[in-house]
Amino acid sequence: MQAEAPSHSQSPLPNLGWKEQFRLAIRTPRQLAEHGLVSIAVLEARPAEWEKVAQKYSVFIPLYYAGLIDRENPACPIRLQAVPRLEELLADDRASNDPLGDFIHRPANRLTHRYQGRALLHLTVNCPMYCRYCFRKSLLNENSEDFFAGGLEEAFGYLQNTPSIEEVILSGGDPLMVTDAALGATLERLGKIAHLRRVRIHTRAPVTMPARVDQGLVEVLKRSPLPIVVVTHFNHPKEATERAAQACTDLRNSVQLLLNQSVLLKGVNDDVETLRGLSERLFEMAVTPYYLHQLDQAQGTMHF
């Protein structure tokens, strides 16, 4: 597969705020057809299966990201990441509903502590897009009520009482899908824990809903009492639009470090030229390529 030229187009949406874009996102098989992402004939040929895949693994595609999809190309790398496929219903003995052991390594509600020195704080089940390869695919859907049960107080208590933890990683879902006020309150609370040295925020918002990086968010990040590292999640150069680049510029001016992680995905970026093109484009955006992950073996994702 050859790398596609990066799209430098502006967002296909008017200047809508991120909450309005969240409200307008594509959420059902019927809406997939209305936006030209799946044909009516394909849906009507196997309607029960399309409904089943959407019920098992939620559909959520912002119109901004949907606007990057080539309607004429069934192998479009943006399409493959965003639009559900019936292959997601195929169970695989090699795969798990919790491949990273978030439930096993959960000493408190909404907290994962797997590694020495750092822990993940899960702020929300919401994402700026439900990526079809997500390793938390089951946790964000059929197990969400258990995984996101309770508030954050128990987690804050654990962090306070575990001085070996020096870094808190805000995760989810996507941590930028909470309000500015909620994010600011979390950062203030973490800033009162003396042994914490930094906060890391992992987010796909600059990629799939760059409108989320607005002035309100920038101000919250600048006021953080702890240094912040933001890790974005671009997988393909076609995602690196001018609008996404502007969001990254705003983030870079608000935090200490801006990095990118990618996941190696069959049919999306599993060739040298695509990954090289992505790295070059990220450097143009002053984002440092950081991780290339092997896909975790989560149920519903093995076709990647």
Protein backbone atom coordinates (compact mmCIF):
# COMPACT_ATOMS: atom_id res chain seq x y z
CA MET A 1 0.00 0.00 0.00
CA GLN A 2 1.40 3.40 -0.94
CA ALA A 3 1.13 6.42 1.29
CA GLU A 4 -1.66 8.79 0.37
CA ALA A 5 -0.79 12.45 0.15
CA PRO A 6 -1.63 14.26 3.38
CA SER A 7 -4.79 16.29 3.24
CA HIS A 8 -4.12 19.97 3.99
CA SER A 9 -7.75 20.96 3.59
CA GLN A 10 -9.67 22.87 6.18
CA SER A 11 -12.38 21.18 8.22
CA PRO A 12 -15.45 20.45 6.06
CA LEU A 13 -17.62 21.77 8.91
CA PRO A 14 -18.58 25.35 9.68
CA ASN A 15 -17.04 26.80 12.83
CA LEU A 16 -19.12 24.74 15.23
CA GLY A 17 -18.02 24.24 18.82
CA TRP A 18 -16.96 20.81 19.95
CA LYS A 19 -20.12 20.14 21.97
CA GLU A 20 -22.27 20.82 18.91
CA GLN A 21 -20.02 18.60 16.81
CA PHE A 22 -20.38 15.90 19.46
CA ARG A 23 -24.17 16.19 19.21
CA LEU A 24 -24.17 15.96 15.41
CA ALA A 25 -21.90 12.90 15.14
CA ILE A 26 -22.88 9.80 13.16
CA ARG A 27 -24.18 7.13 15.56
CA THR A 28 -26.32 4.58 13.67
CA PRO A 29 -26.11 2.34 10.59
CA ARG A 30 -28.87 4.41 8.99
CA GLN A 31 -26.81 7.58 9.46
CA LEU A 32 -23.82 5.82 7.90
CA ALA A 33 -25.93 5.39 4.77
CA GLU A 34 -27.27 8.95 4.89
CA HIS A 35 -23.68 10.25 4.85
CA GLY A 36 -22.61 7.96 2.01
CA LEU A 37 -20.34 5.77 4.13
CA VAL A 38 -22.31 2.53 3.61
CA SER A 39 -24.77 1.93 0.79
CA ILE A 40 -28.45 1.35 1.51
CA ALA A 41 -28.22 -1.90 -0.46
CA VAL A 42 -25.43 -3.19 1.80
CA LEU A 43 -27.40 -2.32 4.93
CA GLU A 44 -30.62 -3.86 3.64
CA ALA A 45 -28.87 -7.06 2.61
CA ARG A 46 -27.94 -7.88 6.25
CA PRO A 47 -29.85 -5.43 8.48
CA ALA A 48 -29.84 -7.55 11.64
CA GLU A 49 -26.05 -7.93 11.56
CA TRP A 50 -25.47 -4.22 11.04
CA GLU A 51 -27.72 -3.43 13.99
CA LYS A 52 -25.94 -6.06 16.08
CA VAL A 53 -22.47 -4.70 15.40
CA ALA A 54 -23.62 -1.16 16.21
CA GLN A 55 -25.22 -2.32 19.46
CA LYS A 56 -22.22 -4.40 20.53
CA TYR A 57 -19.59 -1.79 19.62
CA SER A 58 -20.96 1.75 19.50
CA VAL A 59 -20.67 3.87 16.37
CA PHE A 60 -19.54 7.47 16.81
CA ILE A 61 -17.97 9.40 13.92
CA PRO A 62 -17.69 13.21 14.05
CA LEU A 63 -18.71 14.90 10.81
CA TYR A 64 -15.24 16.48 10.63
CA TYR A 65 -13.57 13.07 10.51
CA ALA A 66 -16.26 11.63 8.24
CA GLY A 67 -15.44 14.45 5.84
CA LEU A 68 -11.93 13.03 5.40
CA ILE A 69 -13.24 9.69 4.12
CA ASP A 70 -12.98 8.97 0.39
CA ARG A 71 -16.51 7.82 -0.48
CA GLU A 72 -15.26 6.10 -3.62
CA ASN A 73 -12.51 4.06 -1.95
CA PRO A 74 -13.59 1.09 0.20
CA ALA A 75 -9.96 0.79 1.40
CA CYS A 76 -9.67 4.44 2.46
CA PRO A 77 -7.50 4.41 5.63
CA ILE A 78 -9.82 6.88 7.34
CA ARG A 79 -12.85 4.73 6.53
CA LEU A 80 -11.20 1.59 7.93
CA GLN A 81 -10.58 3.27 11.28
CA ALA A 82 -14.04 4.82 11.65
CA VAL A 83 -16.74 2.79 9.87
CA PRO A 84 -17.86 -0.50 11.47
CA ARG A 85 -17.47 -3.79 9.65
CA LEU A 86 -19.35 -7.04 10.16
CA GLU A 87 -16.02 -8.77 10.86
CA GLU A 88 -16.17 -7.16 14.29
CA LEU A 89 -18.77 -9.77 15.27
CA LEU A 90 -16.36 -12.67 14.71
CA ALA A 91 -15.11 -14.10 18.01
CA ASP A 92 -11.45 -15.11 18.12
CA ASP A 93 -9.91 -17.46 20.68
CA ARG A 94 -6.69 -15.42 20.63
CA ALA A 95 -8.49 -12.22 21.62
CA SER A 96 -9.67 -10.87 24.97
CA ASN A 97 -12.30 -8.44 26.20
CA ASP A 98 -9.61 -6.88 28.42
CA PRO A 99 -6.25 -7.44 26.71
CA LEU A 100 -4.37 -4.95 28.91
CA GLY A 101 -5.80 -6.20 32.18
CA ASP A 102 -7.53 -2.97 33.20
CA PHE A 103 -9.89 -4.93 35.47
CA ILE A 104 -7.10 -7.05 36.94
CA HIS A 105 -4.95 -4.01 37.72
CA ARG A 106 -7.71 -1.88 39.22
CA PRO A 107 -6.90 -1.00 42.86
CA ALA A 108 -9.63 1.67 42.91
CA ASN A 109 -12.61 2.70 40.81
CA ARG A 110 -11.64 4.41 37.56
CA LEU A 111 -7.93 3.64 38.08
CA THR A 112 -5.47 1.25 36.37
CA HIS A 113 -2.09 0.65 38.02
CA ARG A 114 0.01 -1.75 35.96
CA TYR A 115 3.47 -0.24 35.97
CA GLN A 116 5.84 1.10 38.56
CA GLY A 117 5.72 4.87 38.89
CA ARG A 118 2.57 5.63 36.89
CA ALA A 119 -1.16 5.02 36.91
CA LEU A 120 -4.09 5.67 34.56
CA LEU A 121 -7.06 7.74 35.71
CA HIS A 122 -10.15 7.09 33.56
CA LEU A 123 -12.17 10.30 33.42
CA THR A 124 -14.96 9.36 30.99
CA VAL A 125 -16.37 6.63 28.79
CA ASN A 126 -16.83 9.13 25.94
CA CYS A 127 -14.49 9.46 22.95
CA PRO A 128 -14.28 11.96 20.07
CA MET A 129 -14.63 8.86 17.87
CA TYR A 130 -15.07 5.16 18.60
CA CYS A 131 -12.08 3.78 16.72
CA ARG A 132 -12.84 0.32 15.36
CA TYR A 133 -9.46 -1.11 16.52
CA CYS A 134 -9.70 0.14 20.14
CA PHE A 135 -8.19 -2.19 22.74
CA ARG A 136 -10.84 -1.03 25.24
CA LYS A 137 -13.62 -1.85 22.77
CA SER A 138 -15.47 -4.11 25.23
CA LEU A 139 -14.74 -1.98 28.30
CA LEU A 140 -16.23 1.09 26.63
CA ASN A 141 -19.34 -0.82 25.56
CA GLU A 142 -20.64 -3.98 27.23
CA ASN A 143 -18.49 -3.52 30.38
CA SER A 144 -18.75 0.25 30.68
CA GLU A 145 -21.11 0.27 33.66
CA ASP A 146 -18.66 -1.83 35.69
CA PHE A 147 -15.47 -0.21 34.46
CA PHE A 148 -16.67 3.36 34.96
CA ALA A 149 -18.62 2.73 38.16
CA GLY A 150 -18.29 5.26 40.98
CA GLY A 151 -16.66 8.66 41.06
CA LEU A 152 -13.00 9.63 41.31
CA GLU A 153 -12.64 10.02 45.08
CA GLU A 154 -11.44 6.46 45.65
CA ALA A 155 -8.86 6.88 42.89
CA PHE A 156 -7.61 10.19 44.31
CA GLY A 157 -7.25 8.51 47.70
CA TYR A 158 -5.21 5.68 46.22
CA LEU A 159 -2.94 8.12 44.40
CA GLN A 160 -2.47 10.15 47.57
CA ASN A 161 -1.52 7.03 49.55
CA THR A 162 0.85 5.53 46.93
CA PRO A 163 4.01 7.68 46.92
CA SER A 164 5.72 5.45 44.32
CA ILE A 165 3.39 6.91 41.67
CA GLU A 166 5.03 9.95 40.08
CA GLU A 167 2.97 10.30 36.89
CA VAL A 168 -0.78 10.15 36.31
CA ILE A 169 -2.01 9.40 32.79
CA LEU A 170 -5.46 10.80 32.05
CA SER A 171 -7.32 8.30 29.89
CA GLY A 172 -10.81 7.05 29.30
CA GLY A 173 -12.43 6.98 26.86
CA ASP A 174 -10.75 10.24 25.97
CA PRO A 175 -9.98 12.63 28.82
CA LEU A 176 -10.61 15.71 26.67
CA MET A 177 -14.26 14.70 26.34
CA VAL A 178 -14.97 16.06 29.82
CA THR A 179 -15.78 19.74 30.25
CA ASP A 180 -13.09 22.33 30.82
CA ALA A 181 -14.35 22.77 34.37
CA ALA A 182 -14.13 19.03 35.12
CA LEU A 183 -10.68 18.75 33.59
CA GLY A 184 -9.46 21.81 35.49
CA ALA A 185 -10.81 20.43 38.78
CA THR A 186 -9.01 17.12 38.17
CA LEU A 187 -5.71 18.86 37.42
CA GLU A 188 -6.06 21.02 40.54
CA ARG A 189 -6.75 17.96 42.67
CA LEU A 190 -3.75 16.09 41.27
CA GLY A 191 -1.59 19.17 41.87
CA LYS A 192 -2.20 18.79 45.62
CA ILE A 193 -0.57 15.33 45.70
CA ALA A 194 3.01 16.14 46.63
CA HIS A 195 4.78 13.13 45.08
CA LEU A 196 3.27 13.59 41.58
CA ARG A 197 5.71 15.07 39.08
CA ARG A 198 3.63 15.30 35.90
CA VAL A 199 0.34 14.53 34.17
CA ARG A 200 0.17 12.81 30.80
CA ILE A 201 -2.95 13.22 28.64
CA HIS A 202 -3.61 10.66 25.90
CA THR A 203 -6.11 11.97 23.37
CA ARG A 204 -7.38 11.46 19.84
CA ALA A 205 -9.35 14.71 19.91
CA PRO A 206 -6.85 16.74 17.80
CA VAL A 207 -7.17 14.03 15.13
CA THR A 208 -10.89 13.34 15.02
CA MET A 209 -12.45 16.48 16.56
CA PRO A 210 -9.84 19.27 16.55
CA ALA A 211 -12.50 21.82 17.53
CA ARG A 212 -12.13 20.43 21.06
CA VAL A 213 -8.81 22.28 21.32
CA ASP A 214 -10.41 25.67 21.90
CA GLN A 215 -9.40 28.70 23.98
CA GLY A 216 -11.14 27.35 27.06
CA LEU A 217 -9.13 24.13 26.97
CA VAL A 218 -5.90 26.02 26.32
CA GLU A 219 -6.45 28.15 29.40
CA VAL A 220 -7.16 25.10 31.57
CA LEU A 221 -3.96 23.41 30.43
CA LYS A 222 -1.90 26.55 31.00
CA ARG A 223 -3.19 26.82 34.58
CA SER A 224 -2.26 23.24 35.48
CA PRO A 225 -0.20 23.11 38.70
CA LEU A 226 1.70 20.11 37.30
CA PRO A 227 3.66 19.86 34.03
CA ILE A 228 1.59 18.28 31.25
CA VAL A 229 2.68 15.97 28.43
CA VAL A 230 0.07 15.45 25.68
CA VAL A 231 0.21 12.33 23.52
CA THR A 232 -1.85 12.56 20.33
CA HIS A 233 -2.85 9.59 18.19
CA PHE A 234 -2.35 10.10 14.45
CA ASN A 235 -2.17 6.85 12.47
CA HIS A 236 -2.07 8.07 8.86
CA PRO A 237 -0.85 11.21 7.05
CA LYS A 238 -4.36 11.83 5.69
CA GLU A 239 -5.42 12.65 9.26
CA ALA A 240 -2.84 15.43 9.54
CA THR A 241 -4.95 18.23 8.05
CA GLU A 242 -4.30 21.93 8.51
CA ARG A 243 -7.11 22.02 11.06
CA ALA A 244 -5.49 19.22 13.05
CA ALA A 245 -2.13 20.95 12.76
CA GLN A 246 -3.61 24.14 14.25
CA ALA A 247 -5.00 22.16 17.17
CA CYS A 248 -1.54 20.69 17.75
CA THR A 249 0.03 24.16 17.62
CA ASP A 250 -2.40 25.35 20.28
CA LEU A 251 -1.60 22.33 22.45
CA ARG A 252 2.14 22.71 21.97
CA ASN A 253 1.92 26.30 23.21
CA SER A 254 0.01 25.18 26.30
CA VAL A 255 1.94 22.15 27.60
CA GLN A 256 5.51 21.00 28.20
CA LEU A 257 5.73 18.31 25.51
CA LEU A 258 3.66 17.10 22.55
CA LEU A 259 4.16 13.53 21.35
CA ASN A 260 2.34 11.09 19.05
CA GLN A 261 1.58 7.42 19.31
CA SER A 262 0.41 5.29 16.39
CA VAL A 263 -0.98 1.78 16.15
CA LEU A 264 0.18 -0.56 13.40
CA LEU A 265 -3.03 -1.42 11.50
CA LYS A 266 -3.49 -3.79 8.59
CA GLY A 267 -4.58 -1.90 5.50
CA VAL A 268 -4.13 1.50 7.17
CA ASN A 269 -0.43 2.07 7.82
CA ASP A 270 1.31 -1.30 7.58
CA ASP A 271 3.98 -0.17 5.12
CA VAL A 272 7.14 1.85 5.35
CA GLU A 273 6.13 4.68 3.03
CA THR A 274 2.93 5.47 4.92
CA LEU A 275 4.71 5.50 8.28
CA ARG A 276 7.54 7.59 6.88
CA GLY A 277 5.03 10.05 5.42
CA LEU A 278 3.25 10.26 8.76
CA SER A 279 6.48 10.94 10.65
CA GLU A 280 7.52 13.64 8.19
CA ARG A 281 4.13 15.34 8.45
CA LEU A 282 4.21 15.16 12.26
CA PHE A 283 7.62 16.83 12.27
CA GLU A 284 6.17 19.61 10.10
CA MET A 285 3.52 20.02 12.80
CA ALA A 286 6.19 20.02 15.57
CA VAL A 287 4.76 16.81 17.00
CA THR A 288 7.34 14.18 17.98
CA PRO A 289 6.62 10.60 16.82
CA TYR A 290 6.94 8.58 20.02
CA TYR A 291 5.33 5.13 19.97
CA LEU A 292 4.42 2.64 17.27
CA HIS A 293 2.23 0.05 18.97
CA GLN A 294 1.53 -3.50 17.92
CA LEU A 295 -2.25 -3.86 17.97
CA ASP A 296 -3.57 -5.36 21.21
CA GLN A 297 -5.54 -8.56 20.74
CA ALA A 298 -8.99 -7.28 21.66
CA GLN A 299 -12.21 -8.95 20.60
CA GLY A 300 -13.72 -7.29 17.57
CA THR A 301 -10.40 -6.00 16.24
CA MET A 302 -8.51 -9.03 14.91
CA HIS A 303 -9.15 -8.13 11.24
CA PHE A 304 -6.67 -5.25 11.82
